[in-house]
Amino acid sequence: MLSRRNIRIKVMQLLFSLNKEEKPVANKVVDKFEAYVKKSFELYLFNLYVLTEVCQYAKKDEEKRHGKYLPTPEDLLFRAKLLENECTQSLIKNRDLKGLFQYHKFEEFYDTDLSRKLYFEYAKTDEYKDYVYDAETTEIHDIKALLELYKSCIKNELCAELMEDHYSNLTDDKSLVVGVMKKTIKSLPVEGLFFNDYKPAEEAVNEFGNILLHDVIEQDATLLAMIEPVLKNWDADRVANIDMILLKMAISEMILFPTIPTTVTINEYVEISKMYSTEKSKDFINGVLDRMVEVLSEQGKLNKTGRGLGEEESA
C-alpha cells in the first residue's frame, strides 16, 4: 500500500518532529515510525467502515418508504440495492474485516447520524436514482454505484472533518487511501483476508524505512560533515531544517541501498522538497546532491548493483 515515496515522507516528518535539544534514541524512533505506518492502513480500514455503514442506511430508507401510510409508486418500487447486492454483502459479512473494525473501535468515535447524512446526500443524485430503479442491474452497476457513493462521501465536509480529527496523517495519505479504496471497490466481491493485499509491504517498511531512519539518526553528525564541504558559500546553519533532513536522508539512501539508482534518489527528494519545502529548495537540493554523487563516487562509497528500481516506488 505504501510506496517508497510515502515511506520517505513519513521518515522525513518524523525526523522533523524530533526535539533538537535531545539526541533521539534510534530504536524508540523506529517504533514511532512503525506506528505512523500502521495509521495509514488504519485510515484505509476506516474508509471501508464508513462505506459499509452508509450502505446499511439504505435498508432504513426502504423500511421508511414502504411503511408510509400512503406510499407513492416510487416508494413501493424502492429496494435497498445498495446494501443487498453481492459486492456490498461481501464486505458486510466478512468476519475478519468486522473483527478489525471492532479492534480499532471505530464505532466509538463514528457518529451514526453521519451515515444518514452521507446516504441522503448521495440519494439525491441522478446516478443513485437510476441505479435503484433500474429493473436489471449487474455487478458492474453495483460497483459503479459504490464508487459514486464513496466519491460523494470523501467530498463531504463532515466526513472530512471526522477523519481529520482522528487521523493526523489524512493530508499526506488521502490520495493513497482513496486510490486503494477505488481499487478495493473495483475488485468486489471479495472474501477472506483481502485487505492484507493493502498492508504496507514488509520490504518497504523494514528493509527500507526502518534502516533509513535508523541510519540518519545514528550517523547525523557524519552526514552533516559530508554535506558541509559541498555547500559552497552556504553556511550549514542557514540551510532550512527540512532541506537538511532531506539531504541527509538522500545521502544515506545513496550509500545504503545499492539497488536504487542515484538518479531515482535525487529525483525523489527533489519532488518531496517541492511538496514540503520552499520554492527554491528543489534547485538547492538537486545541486547539492549532484555534487554529492561526484564526491561519494570518488570516495568509493557508491556501489550500485543491478538495474535498480525506477519509480516503481509507487507500487
C-alpha atoms as a PDB file:
ATOM      1  CA  MET A   1       0.000   0.000   0.000  1.00  0.00           C
ATOM      2  CA  LEU A   2       2.728   2.461   0.928  1.00  0.00           C
ATOM      3  CA  SER A   3       5.168   3.362  -1.814  1.00  0.00           C
ATOM      4  CA  ARG A   4       8.783   4.215  -1.112  1.00  0.00           C
ATOM      5  CA  ARG A   5       7.918   7.874  -1.583  1.00  0.00           C
ATOM      6  CA  ASN A   6       5.294   7.579   1.162  1.00  0.00           C
ATOM      7  CA  ILE A   7       7.899   5.910   3.357  1.00  0.00           C
ATOM      8  CA  ARG A   8      10.428   8.672   2.676  1.00  0.00           C
ATOM      9  CA  ILE A   9       7.861  11.315   3.574  1.00  0.00           C
ATOM     10  CA  LYS A  10       6.978   9.610   6.855  1.00  0.00           C
ATOM     11  CA  VAL A  11      10.660   9.289   7.772  1.00  0.00           C
ATOM     12  CA  MET A  12      11.174  12.974   6.931  1.00  0.00           C
ATOM     13  CA  GLN A  13       8.179  14.056   9.005  1.00  0.00           C
ATOM     14  CA  LEU A  14       9.311  12.009  11.984  1.00  0.00           C
ATOM     15  CA  LEU A  15      12.851  13.396  11.831  1.00  0.00           C
ATOM     16  CA  PHE A  16      11.464  16.928  11.555  1.00  0.00           C
ATOM     17  CA  SER A  17       9.310  16.426  14.641  1.00  0.00           C
ATOM     18  CA  LEU A  18      12.174  15.292  16.881  1.00  0.00           C
ATOM     19  CA  ASN A  19      13.389  17.510  19.690  1.00  0.00           C
ATOM     20  CA  LYS A  20      16.611  19.139  18.502  1.00  0.00           C
ATOM     21  CA  GLU A  21      17.828  19.599  22.055  1.00  0.00           C
ATOM     22  CA  GLU A  22      17.912  15.911  22.842  1.00  0.00           C
ATOM     23  CA  LYS A  23      19.664  13.167  20.917  1.00  0.00           C
ATOM     24  CA  PRO A  24      16.908  10.761  19.848  1.00  0.00           C
ATOM     25  CA  VAL A  25      17.141   7.069  20.640  1.00  0.00           C
ATOM     26  CA  ALA A  26      17.039   5.304  17.266  1.00  0.00           C
ATOM     27  CA  ASN A  27      15.108   2.226  18.414  1.00  0.00           C
ATOM     28  CA  LYS A  28      12.375   4.304  20.047  1.00  0.00           C
ATOM     29  CA  VAL A  29      12.034   6.484  16.959  1.00  0.00           C
ATOM     30  CA  VAL A  30      11.780   3.396  14.747  1.00  0.00           C
ATOM     31  CA  ASP A  31       8.918   2.155  16.945  1.00  0.00           C
ATOM     32  CA  LYS A  32       7.185   5.501  16.438  1.00  0.00           C
ATOM     33  CA  PHE A  33       7.756   5.238  12.686  1.00  0.00           C
ATOM     34  CA  GLU A  34       6.093   1.828  12.588  1.00  0.00           C
ATOM     35  CA  ALA A  35       3.122   3.329  14.426  1.00  0.00           C
ATOM     36  CA  TYR A  36       2.926   6.047  11.735  1.00  0.00           C
ATOM     37  CA  VAL A  37       2.853   3.371   9.068  1.00  0.00           C
ATOM     38  CA  LYS A  38       0.107   1.422  10.823  1.00  0.00           C
ATOM     39  CA  LYS A  39      -2.015   4.570  10.919  1.00  0.00           C
ATOM     40  CA  SER A  40      -2.062   4.637   7.120  1.00  0.00           C
ATOM     41  CA  PHE A  41      -3.540   1.146   6.982  1.00  0.00           C
ATOM     42  CA  GLU A  42      -5.977   2.006   9.771  1.00  0.00           C
ATOM     43  CA  LEU A  43      -7.174   5.022   7.774  1.00  0.00           C
ATOM     44  CA  TYR A  44      -7.888   2.693   4.852  1.00  0.00           C
ATOM     45  CA  LEU A  45      -9.897   0.411   7.140  1.00  0.00           C
ATOM     46  CA  PHE A  46     -11.853   3.370   8.492  1.00  0.00           C
ATOM     47  CA  ASN A  47     -12.769   4.389   4.939  1.00  0.00           C
ATOM     48  CA  LEU A  48     -14.119   0.867   4.403  1.00  0.00           C
ATOM     49  CA  TYR A  49     -16.039   1.147   7.665  1.00  0.00           C
ATOM     50  CA  VAL A  50     -17.676   4.419   6.609  1.00  0.00           C
ATOM     51  CA  LEU A  51     -18.647   2.941   3.245  1.00  0.00           C
ATOM     52  CA  THR A  52     -20.311  -0.105   4.799  1.00  0.00           C
ATOM     53  CA  GLU A  53     -22.094   1.980   7.435  1.00  0.00           C
ATOM     54  CA  VAL A  54     -23.583   4.297   4.823  1.00  0.00           C
ATOM     55  CA  CYS A  55     -24.700   1.359   2.680  1.00  0.00           C
ATOM     56  CA  GLN A  56     -26.613  -0.092   5.614  1.00  0.00           C
ATOM     57  CA  TYR A  57     -28.727   3.042   5.806  1.00  0.00           C
ATOM     58  CA  ALA A  58     -30.319   2.020   2.502  1.00  0.00           C
ATOM     59  CA  LYS A  59     -32.323  -0.592   4.416  1.00  0.00           C
ATOM     60  CA  LYS A  60     -33.712   2.063   6.762  1.00  0.00           C
ATOM     61  CA  ASP A  61     -34.666   4.123   3.737  1.00  0.00           C
ATOM     62  CA  GLU A  62     -36.505   1.149   2.269  1.00  0.00           C
ATOM     63  CA  GLU A  63     -38.382   0.451   5.520  1.00  0.00           C
ATOM     64  CA  LYS A  64     -39.389   4.084   5.866  1.00  0.00           C
ATOM     65  CA  ARG A  65     -40.632   4.299   2.290  1.00  0.00           C
ATOM     66  CA  HIS A  66     -42.612   1.066   2.459  1.00  0.00           C
ATOM     67  CA  GLY A  67     -44.017   1.969   5.868  1.00  0.00           C
ATOM     68  CA  LYS A  68     -45.655   5.198   4.760  1.00  0.00           C
ATOM     69  CA  TYR A  69     -49.395   5.487   5.205  1.00  0.00           C
ATOM     70  CA  LEU A  70     -49.702   6.490   1.564  1.00  0.00           C
ATOM     71  CA  PRO A  71     -46.559   5.308  -0.225  1.00  0.00           C
ATOM     72  CA  THR A  72     -46.006   6.542  -3.751  1.00  0.00           C
ATOM     73  CA  PRO A  73     -45.407   4.123  -6.637  1.00  0.00           C
ATOM     74  CA  GLU A  74     -41.762   5.200  -6.421  1.00  0.00           C
ATOM     75  CA  ASP A  75     -41.668   4.311  -2.713  1.00  0.00           C
ATOM     76  CA  LEU A  76     -43.091   0.849  -3.391  1.00  0.00           C
ATOM     77  CA  LEU A  77     -40.546   0.190  -6.135  1.00  0.00           C
ATOM     78  CA  PHE A  78     -37.621   1.205  -3.959  1.00  0.00           C
ATOM     79  CA  ARG A  79     -35.245  -1.560  -2.836  1.00  0.00           C
ATOM     80  CA  ALA A  80     -32.118  -1.400  -0.700  1.00  0.00           C
ATOM     81  CA  LYS A  81     -29.974  -2.497  -3.618  1.00  0.00           C
ATOM     82  CA  LEU A  82     -27.006  -0.504  -2.340  1.00  0.00           C
ATOM     83  CA  LEU A  83     -26.871  -2.809   0.677  1.00  0.00           C
ATOM     84  CA  GLU A  84     -28.235  -6.096  -0.587  1.00  0.00           C
ATOM     85  CA  ASN A  85     -26.062  -6.591  -3.658  1.00  0.00           C
ATOM     86  CA  GLU A  86     -23.337  -9.244  -3.529  1.00  0.00           C
ATOM     87  CA  CYS A  87     -20.499  -6.722  -3.661  1.00  0.00           C
ATOM     88  CA  THR A  88     -21.568  -4.818  -0.552  1.00  0.00           C
ATOM     89  CA  GLN A  89     -22.536  -8.002   1.247  1.00  0.00           C
ATOM     90  CA  SER A  90     -19.045  -9.413   0.718  1.00  0.00           C
ATOM     91  CA  LEU A  91     -17.790  -6.559   2.913  1.00  0.00           C
ATOM     92  CA  ILE A  92     -20.633  -6.589   5.443  1.00  0.00           C
ATOM     93  CA  LYS A  93     -20.397 -10.354   6.044  1.00  0.00           C
ATOM     94  CA  ASN A  94     -16.599 -10.555   6.143  1.00  0.00           C
ATOM     95  CA  ARG A  95     -15.860 -11.627   9.723  1.00  0.00           C
ATOM     96  CA  ASP A  96     -12.177 -10.798   9.510  1.00  0.00           C
ATOM     97  CA  LEU A  97     -12.927  -7.266   8.341  1.00  0.00           C
ATOM     98  CA  LYS A  98     -15.582  -6.844  11.028  1.00  0.00           C
ATOM     99  CA  GLY A  99     -13.039  -8.019  13.584  1.00  0.00           C
ATOM    100  CA  LEU A 100     -10.621  -5.286  12.501  1.00  0.00           C
ATOM    101  CA  PHE A 101     -13.382  -2.685  12.754  1.00  0.00           C
ATOM    102  CA  GLN A 102     -14.037  -3.810  16.329  1.00  0.00           C
ATOM    103  CA  TYR A 103     -10.325  -3.959  17.179  1.00  0.00           C
ATOM    104  CA  HIS A 104      -9.852  -0.326  16.142  1.00  0.00           C
ATOM    105  CA  LYS A 105     -13.097   0.651  17.929  1.00  0.00           C
ATOM    106  CA  PHE A 106     -14.379   2.711  15.033  1.00  0.00           C
ATOM    107  CA  GLU A 107     -17.898   2.634  16.441  1.00  0.00           C
ATOM    108  CA  GLU A 108     -16.742   4.623  19.477  1.00  0.00           C
ATOM    109  CA  PHE A 109     -15.938   7.770  17.522  1.00  0.00           C
ATOM    110  CA  TYR A 110     -18.124   7.363  14.447  1.00  0.00           C
ATOM    111  CA  ASP A 111     -21.306   9.419  14.544  1.00  0.00           C
ATOM    112  CA  THR A 112     -24.055   7.154  13.257  1.00  0.00           C
ATOM    113  CA  ASP A 113     -26.054  10.206  12.194  1.00  0.00           C
ATOM    114  CA  LEU A 114     -23.292  10.840   9.681  1.00  0.00           C
ATOM    115  CA  SER A 115     -24.375   7.710   7.818  1.00  0.00           C
ATOM    116  CA  ARG A 116     -27.832   9.189   7.362  1.00  0.00           C
ATOM    117  CA  LYS A 117     -26.431  12.492   6.094  1.00  0.00           C
ATOM    118  CA  LEU A 118     -23.971  10.834   3.723  1.00  0.00           C
ATOM    119  CA  TYR A 119     -26.589   8.417   2.431  1.00  0.00           C
ATOM    120  CA  PHE A 120     -29.217  11.046   1.661  1.00  0.00           C
ATOM    121  CA  GLU A 121     -26.670  13.340   0.068  1.00  0.00           C
ATOM    122  CA  TYR A 122     -25.869  10.550  -2.372  1.00  0.00           C
ATOM    123  CA  ALA A 123     -29.556   9.532  -2.676  1.00  0.00           C
ATOM    124  CA  LYS A 124     -30.321  12.932  -4.227  1.00  0.00           C
ATOM    125  CA  THR A 125     -28.143  12.190  -7.248  1.00  0.00           C
ATOM    126  CA  ASP A 126     -29.497  11.038 -10.575  1.00  0.00           C
ATOM    127  CA  GLU A 127     -26.866   8.284 -10.603  1.00  0.00           C
ATOM    128  CA  TYR A 128     -28.326   6.714  -7.473  1.00  0.00           C
ATOM    129  CA  LYS A 129     -31.930   7.028  -8.663  1.00  0.00           C
ATOM    130  CA  ASP A 130     -31.060   5.387 -11.968  1.00  0.00           C
ATOM    131  CA  TYR A 131     -29.316   2.568 -10.115  1.00  0.00           C
ATOM    132  CA  VAL A 132     -32.143   1.949  -7.647  1.00  0.00           C
ATOM    133  CA  TYR A 133     -34.978   1.992 -10.145  1.00  0.00           C
ATOM    134  CA  ASP A 134     -33.264   0.125 -12.952  1.00  0.00           C
ATOM    135  CA  ALA A 135     -35.044  -3.223 -13.102  1.00  0.00           C
ATOM    136  CA  GLU A 136     -31.946  -5.081 -14.230  1.00  0.00           C
ATOM    137  CA  THR A 137     -28.602  -4.305 -12.650  1.00  0.00           C
ATOM    138  CA  THR A 138     -25.395  -6.287 -12.808  1.00  0.00           C
ATOM    139  CA  GLU A 139     -22.251  -6.477 -10.708  1.00  0.00           C
ATOM    140  CA  ILE A 140     -20.826  -3.707 -12.869  1.00  0.00           C
ATOM    141  CA  HIS A 141     -23.711  -1.437 -11.867  1.00  0.00           C
ATOM    142  CA  ASP A 142     -23.236  -2.325  -8.191  1.00  0.00           C
ATOM    143  CA  ILE A 143     -19.557  -1.430  -8.337  1.00  0.00           C
ATOM    144  CA  LYS A 144     -20.282   1.826 -10.150  1.00  0.00           C
ATOM    145  CA  ALA A 145     -22.861   2.760  -7.511  1.00  0.00           C
ATOM    146  CA  LEU A 146     -20.404   2.050  -4.698  1.00  0.00           C
ATOM    147  CA  LEU A 147     -17.699   4.087  -6.396  1.00  0.00           C
ATOM    148  CA  GLU A 148     -20.109   7.012  -6.782  1.00  0.00           C
ATOM    149  CA  LEU A 149     -21.128   6.675  -3.139  1.00  0.00           C
ATOM    150  CA  TYR A 150     -17.523   6.670  -1.959  1.00  0.00           C
ATOM    151  CA  LYS A 151     -16.745   9.679  -4.133  1.00  0.00           C
ATOM    152  CA  SER A 152     -19.682  11.507  -2.552  1.00  0.00           C
ATOM    153  CA  CYS A 153     -18.547  10.567   0.974  1.00  0.00           C
ATOM    154  CA  ILE A 154     -14.976  11.815   0.675  1.00  0.00           C
ATOM    155  CA  LYS A 155     -16.197  15.129  -0.725  1.00  0.00           C
ATOM    156  CA  ASN A 156     -18.466  15.674   2.267  1.00  0.00           C
ATOM    157  CA  GLU A 157     -17.112  18.247   4.737  1.00  0.00           C
ATOM    158  CA  LEU A 158     -18.462  16.462   7.827  1.00  0.00           C
ATOM    159  CA  CYS A 159     -16.831  13.216   6.771  1.00  0.00           C
ATOM    160  CA  ALA A 160     -13.542  15.026   6.080  1.00  0.00           C
ATOM    161  CA  GLU A 161     -13.661  16.719   9.493  1.00  0.00           C
ATOM    162  CA  LEU A 162     -14.229  13.403  11.267  1.00  0.00           C
ATOM    163  CA  MET A 163     -11.229  11.852   9.556  1.00  0.00           C
ATOM    164  CA  GLU A 164      -9.053  14.892  10.228  1.00  0.00           C
ATOM    165  CA  ASP A 165      -9.974  14.792  13.915  1.00  0.00           C
ATOM    166  CA  HIS A 166      -8.842  11.193  14.303  1.00  0.00           C
ATOM    167  CA  TYR A 167      -6.136  10.824  11.664  1.00  0.00           C
ATOM    168  CA  SER A 168      -3.394  13.441  11.572  1.00  0.00           C
ATOM    169  CA  ASN A 169      -1.965  11.599   8.564  1.00  0.00           C
ATOM    170  CA  LEU A 170      -5.039  12.314   6.417  1.00  0.00           C
ATOM    171  CA  THR A 171      -3.466  15.123   4.399  1.00  0.00           C
ATOM    172  CA  ASP A 172      -0.420  13.061   3.458  1.00  0.00           C
ATOM    173  CA  ASP A 173      -2.196   9.741   2.969  1.00  0.00           C
ATOM    174  CA  LYS A 174      -5.521  10.806   1.456  1.00  0.00           C
ATOM    175  CA  SER A 175      -4.619  10.303  -2.211  1.00  0.00           C
ATOM    176  CA  LEU A 176      -3.010   6.967  -1.361  1.00  0.00           C
ATOM    177  CA  VAL A 177      -6.024   5.716   0.611  1.00  0.00           C
ATOM    178  CA  VAL A 178      -8.519   6.940  -1.983  1.00  0.00           C
ATOM    179  CA  GLY A 179      -6.599   5.081  -4.682  1.00  0.00           C
ATOM    180  CA  VAL A 180      -6.575   1.867  -2.647  1.00  0.00           C
ATOM    181  CA  MET A 181     -10.277   2.237  -1.831  1.00  0.00           C
ATOM    182  CA  LYS A 182     -11.152   2.554  -5.508  1.00  0.00           C
ATOM    183  CA  LYS A 183      -9.044  -0.487  -6.260  1.00  0.00           C
ATOM    184  CA  THR A 184     -10.809  -2.421  -3.497  1.00  0.00           C
ATOM    185  CA  ILE A 185     -14.282  -1.468  -4.698  1.00  0.00           C
ATOM    186  CA  LYS A 186     -13.441  -2.414  -8.272  1.00  0.00           C
ATOM    187  CA  SER A 187     -12.314  -5.848  -7.052  1.00  0.00           C
ATOM    188  CA  LEU A 188     -15.626  -6.595  -5.276  1.00  0.00           C
ATOM    189  CA  PRO A 189     -16.962  -9.048  -4.292  1.00  0.00           C
ATOM    190  CA  VAL A 190     -14.082 -10.013  -2.020  1.00  0.00           C
ATOM    191  CA  GLU A 191     -13.551 -12.710   0.552  1.00  0.00           C
ATOM    192  CA  GLY A 192     -11.239 -13.714   3.385  1.00  0.00           C
ATOM    193  CA  LEU A 193      -8.218 -11.584   4.202  1.00  0.00           C
ATOM    194  CA  PHE A 194      -8.420  -9.477   1.043  1.00  0.00           C
ATOM    195  CA  PHE A 195      -7.266  -6.399   2.970  1.00  0.00           C
ATOM    196  CA  ASN A 196      -3.860  -7.968   3.577  1.00  0.00           C
ATOM    197  CA  ASP A 197      -3.049  -7.094  -0.032  1.00  0.00           C
ATOM    198  CA  TYR A 198      -3.072  -3.453   1.041  1.00  0.00           C
ATOM    199  CA  LYS A 199      -0.996  -3.707   4.180  1.00  0.00           C
ATOM    200  CA  PRO A 200       2.333  -1.860   3.978  1.00  0.00           C
ATOM    201  CA  ALA A 201       4.889  -4.190   2.414  1.00  0.00           C
ATOM    202  CA  GLU A 202       7.462  -5.511   4.871  1.00  0.00           C
ATOM    203  CA  GLU A 203      10.232  -4.699   2.392  1.00  0.00           C
ATOM    204  CA  ALA A 204       9.203  -1.036   2.194  1.00  0.00           C
ATOM    205  CA  VAL A 205       8.820  -0.648   5.951  1.00  0.00           C
ATOM    206  CA  ASN A 206      11.501  -2.836   7.485  1.00  0.00           C
ATOM    207  CA  GLU A 207      14.120  -3.197   4.774  1.00  0.00           C
ATOM    208  CA  PHE A 208      13.900   0.410   3.624  1.00  0.00           C
ATOM    209  CA  GLY A 209      12.150   2.794   6.024  1.00  0.00           C
ATOM    210  CA  ASN A 210      13.463   1.412   9.320  1.00  0.00           C
ATOM    211  CA  ILE A 211      17.022   1.162   8.032  1.00  0.00           C
ATOM    212  CA  LEU A 212      16.957   4.658   6.526  1.00  0.00           C
ATOM    213  CA  LEU A 213      15.507   6.240   9.660  1.00  0.00           C
ATOM    214  CA  HIS A 214      17.916   4.427  11.983  1.00  0.00           C
ATOM    215  CA  ASP A 215      20.952   5.385   9.899  1.00  0.00           C
ATOM    216  CA  VAL A 216      20.077   9.088   9.614  1.00  0.00           C
ATOM    217  CA  ILE A 217      19.694   9.292  13.400  1.00  0.00           C
ATOM    218  CA  GLU A 218      22.847   7.341  14.219  1.00  0.00           C
ATOM    219  CA  GLN A 219      25.001   8.986  11.532  1.00  0.00           C
ATOM    220  CA  ASP A 220      23.649  12.508  11.926  1.00  0.00           C
ATOM    221  CA  ALA A 221      26.996  14.159  12.675  1.00  0.00           C
ATOM    222  CA  THR A 222      28.806  12.155   9.972  1.00  0.00           C
ATOM    223  CA  LEU A 223      26.205  13.050   7.350  1.00  0.00           C
ATOM    224  CA  LEU A 224      26.426  16.728   8.280  1.00  0.00           C
ATOM    225  CA  ALA A 225      30.220  16.600   7.958  1.00  0.00           C
ATOM    226  CA  MET A 226      29.824  15.123   4.471  1.00  0.00           C
ATOM    227  CA  ILE A 227      27.380  17.835   3.412  1.00  0.00           C
ATOM    228  CA  GLU A 228      29.152  20.934   4.721  1.00  0.00           C
ATOM    229  CA  PRO A 229      32.121  20.925   2.268  1.00  0.00           C
ATOM    230  CA  VAL A 230      29.714  20.657  -0.666  1.00  0.00           C
ATOM    231  CA  LEU A 231      27.504  23.597   0.273  1.00  0.00           C
ATOM    232  CA  LYS A 232      29.747  26.189  -1.457  1.00  0.00           C
ATOM    233  CA  ASN A 233      29.429  29.607   0.166  1.00  0.00           C
ATOM    234  CA  TRP A 234      26.378  28.496   2.132  1.00  0.00           C
ATOM    235  CA  ASP A 235      26.579  28.139   5.900  1.00  0.00           C
ATOM    236  CA  ALA A 236      25.014  24.864   7.083  1.00  0.00           C
ATOM    237  CA  ASP A 237      23.213  26.790   9.840  1.00  0.00           C
ATOM    238  CA  ARG A 238      21.377  28.784   7.176  1.00  0.00           C
ATOM    239  CA  VAL A 239      20.020  25.706   5.401  1.00  0.00           C
ATOM    240  CA  ALA A 240      16.333  25.168   6.131  1.00  0.00           C
ATOM    241  CA  ASN A 241      15.835  22.351   8.622  1.00  0.00           C
ATOM    242  CA  ILE A 242      13.609  20.375   6.271  1.00  0.00           C
ATOM    243  CA  ASP A 243      16.175  20.712   3.462  1.00  0.00           C
ATOM    244  CA  MET A 244      18.995  19.462   5.686  1.00  0.00           C
ATOM    245  CA  ILE A 245      16.905  16.459   6.684  1.00  0.00           C
ATOM    246  CA  LEU A 246      16.197  15.646   3.040  1.00  0.00           C
ATOM    247  CA  LEU A 247      19.889  15.934   2.154  1.00  0.00           C
ATOM    248  CA  LYS A 248      20.916  13.609   4.973  1.00  0.00           C
ATOM    249  CA  MET A 249      18.241  11.091   4.003  1.00  0.00           C
ATOM    250  CA  ALA A 250      19.261  11.178   0.341  1.00  0.00           C
ATOM    251  CA  ILE A 251      22.954  10.628   1.105  1.00  0.00           C
ATOM    252  CA  SER A 252      22.156   7.808   3.496  1.00  0.00           C
ATOM    253  CA  GLU A 253      19.921   6.220   0.864  1.00  0.00           C
ATOM    254  CA  MET A 254      22.594   6.503  -1.833  1.00  0.00           C
ATOM    255  CA  ILE A 255      25.121   4.709   0.355  1.00  0.00           C
ATOM    256  CA  LEU A 256      22.907   2.077   1.986  1.00  0.00           C
ATOM    257  CA  PHE A 257      20.720   0.906  -0.890  1.00  0.00           C
ATOM    258  CA  PRO A 258      22.766  -0.282  -3.883  1.00  0.00           C
ATOM    259  CA  THR A 259      19.744  -1.301  -5.980  1.00  0.00           C
ATOM    260  CA  ILE A 260      18.237   2.202  -6.000  1.00  0.00           C
ATOM    261  CA  PRO A 261      19.885   4.305  -8.726  1.00  0.00           C
ATOM    262  CA  THR A 262      21.250   7.672  -7.644  1.00  0.00           C
ATOM    263  CA  THR A 263      19.056   9.389 -10.255  1.00  0.00           C
ATOM    264  CA  VAL A 264      15.951   7.917  -8.633  1.00  0.00           C
ATOM    265  CA  THR A 265      17.096   9.032  -5.181  1.00  0.00           C
ATOM    266  CA  ILE A 266      17.817  12.584  -6.349  1.00  0.00           C
ATOM    267  CA  ASN A 267      14.529  12.866  -8.239  1.00  0.00           C
ATOM    268  CA  GLU A 268      12.561  11.583  -5.260  1.00  0.00           C
ATOM    269  CA  TYR A 269      14.000  14.074  -2.786  1.00  0.00           C
ATOM    270  CA  VAL A 270      13.642  16.936  -5.243  1.00  0.00           C
ATOM    271  CA  GLU A 271       9.966  16.031  -5.657  1.00  0.00           C
ATOM    272  CA  ILE A 272       9.455  15.806  -1.898  1.00  0.00           C
ATOM    273  CA  SER A 273      11.087  19.206  -1.451  1.00  0.00           C
ATOM    274  CA  LYS A 274       8.551  20.671  -3.889  1.00  0.00           C
ATOM    275  CA  MET A 275       5.753  19.431  -1.643  1.00  0.00           C
ATOM    276  CA  TYR A 276       7.169  20.268   1.761  1.00  0.00           C
ATOM    277  CA  SER A 277       9.818  22.978   1.478  1.00  0.00           C
ATOM    278  CA  THR A 278      10.382  26.375  -0.137  1.00  0.00           C
ATOM    279  CA  GLU A 279      10.164  27.258  -3.814  1.00  0.00           C
ATOM    280  CA  LYS A 280      13.956  27.440  -4.124  1.00  0.00           C
ATOM    281  CA  SER A 281      14.606  24.196  -2.279  1.00  0.00           C
ATOM    282  CA  LYS A 282      14.237  21.907  -5.282  1.00  0.00           C
ATOM    283  CA  ASP A 283      17.132  23.570  -7.116  1.00  0.00           C
ATOM    284  CA  PHE A 284      19.243  23.744  -3.978  1.00  0.00           C
ATOM    285  CA  ILE A 285      18.744  20.075  -3.135  1.00  0.00           C
ATOM    286  CA  ASN A 286      19.254  18.980  -6.722  1.00  0.00           C
ATOM    287  CA  GLY A 287      22.549  20.900  -6.940  1.00  0.00           C
ATOM    288  CA  VAL A 288      23.921  19.654  -3.622  1.00  0.00           C
ATOM    289  CA  LEU A 289      23.012  16.040  -4.354  1.00  0.00           C
ATOM    290  CA  ASP A 290      24.535  16.196  -7.839  1.00  0.00           C
ATOM    291  CA  ARG A 291      27.808  17.299  -6.270  1.00  0.00           C
ATOM    292  CA  MET A 292      27.489  14.672  -3.526  1.00  0.00           C
ATOM    293  CA  VAL A 293      27.256  11.931  -6.149  1.00  0.00           C
ATOM    294  CA  GLU A 294      30.624  13.029  -7.530  1.00  0.00           C
ATOM    295  CA  VAL A 295      32.189  13.138  -4.046  1.00  0.00           C
ATOM    296  CA  LEU A 296      30.772   9.767  -2.995  1.00  0.00           C
ATOM    297  CA  SER A 297      31.868   8.191  -6.275  1.00  0.00           C
ATOM    298  CA  GLU A 298      35.421   9.474  -5.798  1.00  0.00           C
ATOM    299  CA  GLN A 299      35.421   8.102  -2.257  1.00  0.00           C
ATOM    300  CA  GLY A 300      34.184   4.706  -3.461  1.00  0.00           C
ATOM    301  CA  LYS A 301      31.038   4.900  -1.335  1.00  0.00           C
ATOM    302  CA  LEU A 302      28.605   4.353  -4.184  1.00  0.00           C
ATOM    303  CA  ASN A 303      28.356   0.664  -5.002  1.00  0.00           C
ATOM    304  CA  LYS A 304      25.256   0.390  -7.159  1.00  0.00           C
ATOM    305  CA  THR A 305      24.255  -3.063  -8.361  1.00  0.00           C
ATOM    306  CA  GLY A 306      21.729  -4.291 -10.890  1.00  0.00           C
ATOM    307  CA  ARG A 307      19.354  -2.145 -12.852  1.00  0.00           C
ATOM    308  CA  GLY A 308      17.658  -0.887  -9.705  1.00  0.00           C
ATOM    309  CA  LEU A 309      14.102   0.225  -9.416  1.00  0.00           C
ATOM    310  CA  GLY A 310      12.664   3.072 -11.432  1.00  0.00           C
ATOM    311  CA  GLU A 311       9.721   4.814  -9.856  1.00  0.00           C
ATOM    312  CA  GLU A 312       8.193   1.533  -9.048  1.00  0.00           C
ATOM    313  CA  GLU A 313       8.279   3.452  -5.860  1.00  0.00           C
ATOM    314  CA  SER A 314       4.596   3.964  -6.438  1.00  0.00           C
ATOM    315  CA  ALA A 315       3.977   0.236  -6.041  1.00  0.00           C
END
